[in-house]
Amino acid sequence: MKRKLSAMDARQRFGEVLEGVYYRGDEVVIERAGRSMAVVVPIERYESMERSRERLFALIEKAQARNRDAPYAVIEQEVARAVREVRTSKRGSKPRRSR
């Protein structure tokens, strides 16, 4: 369950917050003056986000290494072509509206 708590409530009920996160998988947004400041999530969710982040950065590093010697103009053309292809495929998959 997702819920929001003020920083003061979170501090006063910290044990209860931890139990809800650990046992029920709650996600708790902690706010101060109506502004979101932090989120408490189950450790499995955090570890999953970290693994995803590491995979993303590995892919970015791999792409950078593969394109290290490519001229900027060539990379720019390939990116533009890839964007056109994705946009074209998305247009083709959308149902047409009848007028």
C-alpha atoms as a PDB file:
ATOM      1  CA  MET A   1       0.000   0.000   0.000  1.00  0.00           C
ATOM      2  CA  LYS A   2       1.273   3.457  -0.881  1.00  0.00           C
ATOM      3  CA  ARG A   3       0.756   6.163   1.666  1.00  0.00           C
ATOM      4  CA  LYS A   4       2.050   9.554   2.730  1.00  0.00           C
ATOM      5  CA  LEU A   5       3.146  10.670   6.161  1.00  0.00           C
ATOM      6  CA  SER A   6       4.430  13.927   7.517  1.00  0.00           C
ATOM      7  CA  ALA A   7       7.997  13.841   8.764  1.00  0.00           C
ATOM      8  CA  MET A   8       6.727  14.313  12.312  1.00  0.00           C
ATOM      9  CA  ASP A   9       4.303  11.349  12.040  1.00  0.00           C
ATOM     10  CA  ALA A  10       7.002   9.207  10.451  1.00  0.00           C
ATOM     11  CA  ARG A  11       9.366  10.022  13.303  1.00  0.00           C
ATOM     12  CA  GLN A  12       6.783   9.272  15.966  1.00  0.00           C
ATOM     13  CA  ARG A  13       5.656   6.018  14.294  1.00  0.00           C
ATOM     14  CA  PHE A  14       8.959   4.883  12.768  1.00  0.00           C
ATOM     15  CA  GLY A  15       8.692   1.305  14.082  1.00  0.00           C
ATOM     16  CA  GLU A  16       5.189   0.977  12.658  1.00  0.00           C
ATOM     17  CA  VAL A  17       6.358   2.398   9.318  1.00  0.00           C
ATOM     18  CA  LEU A  18       9.216  -0.122   9.144  1.00  0.00           C
ATOM     19  CA  GLU A  19       6.918  -3.023   9.979  1.00  0.00           C
ATOM     20  CA  GLY A  20       4.450  -1.984   7.270  1.00  0.00           C
ATOM     21  CA  VAL A  21       7.239  -1.700   4.721  1.00  0.00           C
ATOM     22  CA  TYR A  22       8.854  -4.991   5.700  1.00  0.00           C
ATOM     23  CA  TYR A  23       5.817  -7.201   6.262  1.00  0.00           C
ATOM     24  CA  ARG A  24       3.208  -5.730   3.892  1.00  0.00           C
ATOM     25  CA  GLY A  25       5.441  -4.191   1.257  1.00  0.00           C
ATOM     26  CA  ASP A  26       4.129  -0.673   1.936  1.00  0.00           C
ATOM     27  CA  GLU A  27       5.738   2.292   0.225  1.00  0.00           C
ATOM     28  CA  VAL A  28       5.716   5.389   2.409  1.00  0.00           C
ATOM     29  CA  VAL A  29       6.340   8.897   1.101  1.00  0.00           C
ATOM     30  CA  ILE A  30       7.602  11.198   3.845  1.00  0.00           C
ATOM     31  CA  GLU A  31       6.650  14.844   3.477  1.00  0.00           C
ATOM     32  CA  ARG A  32       7.719  18.027   5.174  1.00  0.00           C
ATOM     33  CA  ALA A  33       5.528  21.099   4.776  1.00  0.00           C
ATOM     34  CA  GLY A  34       3.544  19.266   2.097  1.00  0.00           C
ATOM     35  CA  ARG A  35       6.650  18.558   0.019  1.00  0.00           C
ATOM     36  CA  SER A  36       7.798  14.988  -0.664  1.00  0.00           C
ATOM     37  CA  MET A  37      11.250  14.507   0.855  1.00  0.00           C
ATOM     38  CA  ALA A  38      11.923  10.759   0.892  1.00  0.00           C
ATOM     39  CA  VAL A  39      10.399   7.344   0.298  1.00  0.00           C
ATOM     40  CA  VAL A  40      10.741   4.221   2.428  1.00  0.00           C
ATOM     41  CA  VAL A  41      10.438   1.084   0.289  1.00  0.00           C
ATOM     42  CA  PRO A  42      11.000  -2.625   0.893  1.00  0.00           C
ATOM     43  CA  ILE A  43      14.623  -3.684   0.500  1.00  0.00           C
ATOM     44  CA  GLU A  44      13.738  -6.021  -2.398  1.00  0.00           C
ATOM     45  CA  ARG A  45      12.312  -3.087  -4.344  1.00  0.00           C
ATOM     46  CA  TYR A  46      15.382  -0.975  -3.627  1.00  0.00           C
ATOM     47  CA  GLU A  47      17.743  -3.775  -4.685  1.00  0.00           C
ATOM     48  CA  SER A  48      15.742  -4.292  -7.873  1.00  0.00           C
ATOM     49  CA  MET A  49      16.007  -0.581  -8.692  1.00  0.00           C
ATOM     50  CA  GLU A  50      19.764  -0.707  -8.050  1.00  0.00           C
ATOM     51  CA  ARG A  51      20.188  -3.711 -10.388  1.00  0.00           C
ATOM     52  CA  SER A  52      18.186  -1.935 -13.094  1.00  0.00           C
ATOM     53  CA  ARG A  53      20.287   1.176 -12.649  1.00  0.00           C
ATOM     54  CA  GLU A  54      23.520  -0.812 -12.896  1.00  0.00           C
ATOM     55  CA  ARG A  55      22.297  -2.554 -16.090  1.00  0.00           C
ATOM     56  CA  LEU A  56      21.352   0.793 -17.610  1.00  0.00           C
ATOM     57  CA  PHE A  57      24.748   2.315 -16.867  1.00  0.00           C
ATOM     58  CA  ALA A  58      26.497  -0.779 -18.251  1.00  0.00           C
ATOM     59  CA  LEU A  59      24.511  -0.424 -21.488  1.00  0.00           C
ATOM     60  CA  ILE A  60      25.374   3.272 -21.691  1.00  0.00           C
ATOM     61  CA  GLU A  61      29.076   2.550 -21.168  1.00  0.00           C
ATOM     62  CA  LYS A  62      28.964  -0.204 -23.801  1.00  0.00           C
ATOM     63  CA  ALA A  63      27.323   2.139 -26.320  1.00  0.00           C
ATOM     64  CA  GLN A  64      29.850   4.869 -25.570  1.00  0.00           C
ATOM     65  CA  ALA A  65      32.760   2.472 -26.041  1.00  0.00           C
ATOM     66  CA  ARG A  66      31.304   1.123 -29.292  1.00  0.00           C
ATOM     67  CA  ASN A  67      30.854   4.646 -30.676  1.00  0.00           C
ATOM     68  CA  ARG A  68      34.021   6.196 -29.289  1.00  0.00           C
ATOM     69  CA  ASP A  69      35.650   6.599 -32.724  1.00  0.00           C
ATOM     70  CA  ALA A  70      32.485   7.385 -34.701  1.00  0.00           C
ATOM     71  CA  PRO A  71      32.136  10.941 -35.995  1.00  0.00           C
ATOM     72  CA  TYR A  72      29.472  12.975 -34.236  1.00  0.00           C
ATOM     73  CA  ALA A  73      27.594  13.635 -37.500  1.00  0.00           C
ATOM     74  CA  VAL A  74      27.254   9.896 -38.168  1.00  0.00           C
ATOM     75  CA  ILE A  75      25.914   9.222 -34.663  1.00  0.00           C
ATOM     76  CA  GLU A  76      23.471  12.113 -35.010  1.00  0.00           C
ATOM     77  CA  GLN A  77      22.170  10.705 -38.338  1.00  0.00           C
ATOM     78  CA  GLU A  78      21.748   7.213 -36.884  1.00  0.00           C
ATOM     79  CA  VAL A  79      19.866   8.543 -33.866  1.00  0.00           C
ATOM     80  CA  ALA A  80      17.567  10.588 -36.114  1.00  0.00           C
ATOM     81  CA  ARG A  81      16.892   7.504 -38.258  1.00  0.00           C
ATOM     82  CA  ALA A  82      16.131   5.368 -35.189  1.00  0.00           C
ATOM     83  CA  VAL A  83      13.742   8.009 -33.836  1.00  0.00           C
ATOM     84  CA  ARG A  84      11.918   8.147 -37.204  1.00  0.00           C
ATOM     85  CA  GLU A  85      11.608   4.355 -37.257  1.00  0.00           C
ATOM     86  CA  VAL A  86      10.127   4.242 -33.750  1.00  0.00           C
ATOM     87  CA  ARG A  87       7.697   7.061 -34.502  1.00  0.00           C
ATOM     88  CA  THR A  88       6.623   5.387 -37.733  1.00  0.00           C
ATOM     89  CA  SER A  89       6.064   2.050 -36.004  1.00  0.00           C
ATOM     90  CA  LYS A  90       4.061   3.738 -33.224  1.00  0.00           C
ATOM     91  CA  ARG A  91       1.874   5.519 -35.775  1.00  0.00           C
ATOM     92  CA  GLY A  92       1.238   2.210 -37.501  1.00  0.00           C
ATOM     93  CA  SER A  93       0.120   0.525 -34.283  1.00  0.00           C
ATOM     94  CA  LYS A  94      -2.347   3.245 -33.227  1.00  0.00           C
ATOM     95  CA  PRO A  95      -5.966   2.704 -34.217  1.00  0.00           C
ATOM     96  CA  ARG A  96      -7.192   5.240 -36.738  1.00  0.00           C
ATOM     97  CA  ARG A  97     -10.039   7.523 -35.688  1.00  0.00           C
ATOM     98  CA  SER A  98     -12.977   7.744 -38.012  1.00  0.00           C
ATOM     99  CA  ARG A  99     -14.252  11.236 -38.774  1.00  0.00           C
END
